Amino acid sequence: METIPITTEFIKLQDLMKLANLVGTGGEAKVLILDGQVSVNGGICLQRGKKIRPGDVISFRGRDYTAAYAD
């Protein structure tokens, strides 16, 4: 599982995908999320603005990612 450091209380799903370089643009993230290709904590998530907090697990293209507070 890859850890993505964040400096805020939460990050929106589409922004986390951009931060982790999983997509090139927010528009690309939107399409992939609305197409049901992203899951959060084991369930398909269709909300691109879903608040992701440290400990949440995002699954995309067979890989898992989690957010964690940056030191």
Protein backbone atom coordinates (compact mmCIF):
# COMPACT_ATOMS: atom_id res chain seq x y z
CA MET A 1 0.00 0.00 0.00
CA GLU A 2 1.32 3.42 -0.95
CA THR A 3 0.97 6.28 1.54
CA ILE A 4 0.11 9.75 0.26
CA PRO A 5 1.10 12.52 2.71
CA ILE A 6 -1.40 15.35 3.25
CA THR A 7 -1.10 18.54 5.29
CA THR A 8 -4.80 19.21 5.91
CA GLU A 9 -7.54 17.47 7.90
CA PHE A 10 -8.84 15.81 4.73
CA ILE A 11 -8.40 15.85 0.96
CA LYS A 12 -11.02 15.40 -1.74
CA LEU A 13 -10.80 12.13 -3.63
CA GLN A 14 -10.11 13.74 -7.01
CA ASP A 15 -7.40 15.91 -5.44
CA LEU A 16 -5.75 12.90 -3.82
CA MET A 17 -5.70 11.16 -7.19
CA LYS A 18 -3.95 14.17 -8.72
CA LEU A 19 -1.53 14.49 -5.78
CA ALA A 20 -0.60 10.80 -6.09
CA ASN A 21 -0.07 11.21 -9.88
CA LEU A 22 -2.76 8.63 -10.62
CA VAL A 23 -4.31 11.05 -13.11
CA GLY A 24 -3.10 14.07 -14.99
CA THR A 25 -6.12 16.32 -14.49
CA GLY A 26 -9.19 16.73 -12.32
CA GLY A 27 -11.32 16.03 -15.39
CA GLU A 28 -9.66 12.66 -15.84
CA ALA A 29 -10.25 11.86 -12.15
CA LYS A 30 -13.91 12.85 -12.50
CA VAL A 31 -14.48 10.48 -15.41
CA LEU A 32 -12.76 7.54 -13.69
CA ILE A 33 -14.63 8.11 -10.42
CA LEU A 34 -18.04 8.47 -12.09
CA ASP A 35 -17.27 5.34 -14.12
CA GLY A 36 -16.98 3.36 -10.87
CA GLN A 37 -13.27 2.61 -11.20
CA VAL A 38 -12.31 3.90 -7.74
CA SER A 39 -13.23 2.42 -4.38
CA VAL A 40 -12.90 3.89 -0.90
CA ASN A 41 -12.70 1.59 2.11
CA GLY A 42 -13.87 -1.37 0.04
CA GLY A 43 -16.88 0.23 -1.65
CA ILE A 44 -17.21 1.84 -5.08
CA CYS A 45 -17.23 5.61 -4.67
CA LEU A 46 -18.96 7.84 -7.22
CA GLN A 47 -18.32 11.10 -5.32
CA ARG A 48 -15.29 12.94 -6.66
CA GLY A 49 -15.51 15.36 -3.71
CA LYS A 50 -15.52 12.53 -1.14
CA LYS A 51 -13.49 13.61 1.88
CA ILE A 52 -10.53 11.29 2.35
CA ARG A 53 -9.02 11.28 5.81
CA PRO A 54 -5.89 9.55 7.10
CA GLY A 55 -6.52 5.83 7.36
CA ASP A 56 -9.00 5.67 4.47
CA VAL A 57 -8.00 3.16 1.80
CA ILE A 58 -8.42 4.07 -1.87
CA SER A 59 -8.24 1.29 -4.45
CA PHE A 60 -7.56 2.09 -8.09
CA ARG A 61 -6.36 -0.16 -10.91
CA GLY A 62 -5.43 -3.00 -8.58
CA ARG A 63 -3.36 -0.91 -6.17
CA ASP A 64 -4.17 0.49 -2.73
CA TYR A 65 -3.38 3.95 -1.42
CA THR A 66 -3.93 5.65 1.92
CA ALA A 67 -3.64 9.21 3.15
CA ALA A 68 -1.52 10.09 6.15
CA TYR A 69 -0.58 13.35 7.83
CA ALA A 70 2.77 14.64 6.63
CA ASP A 71 5.40 15.00 9.34
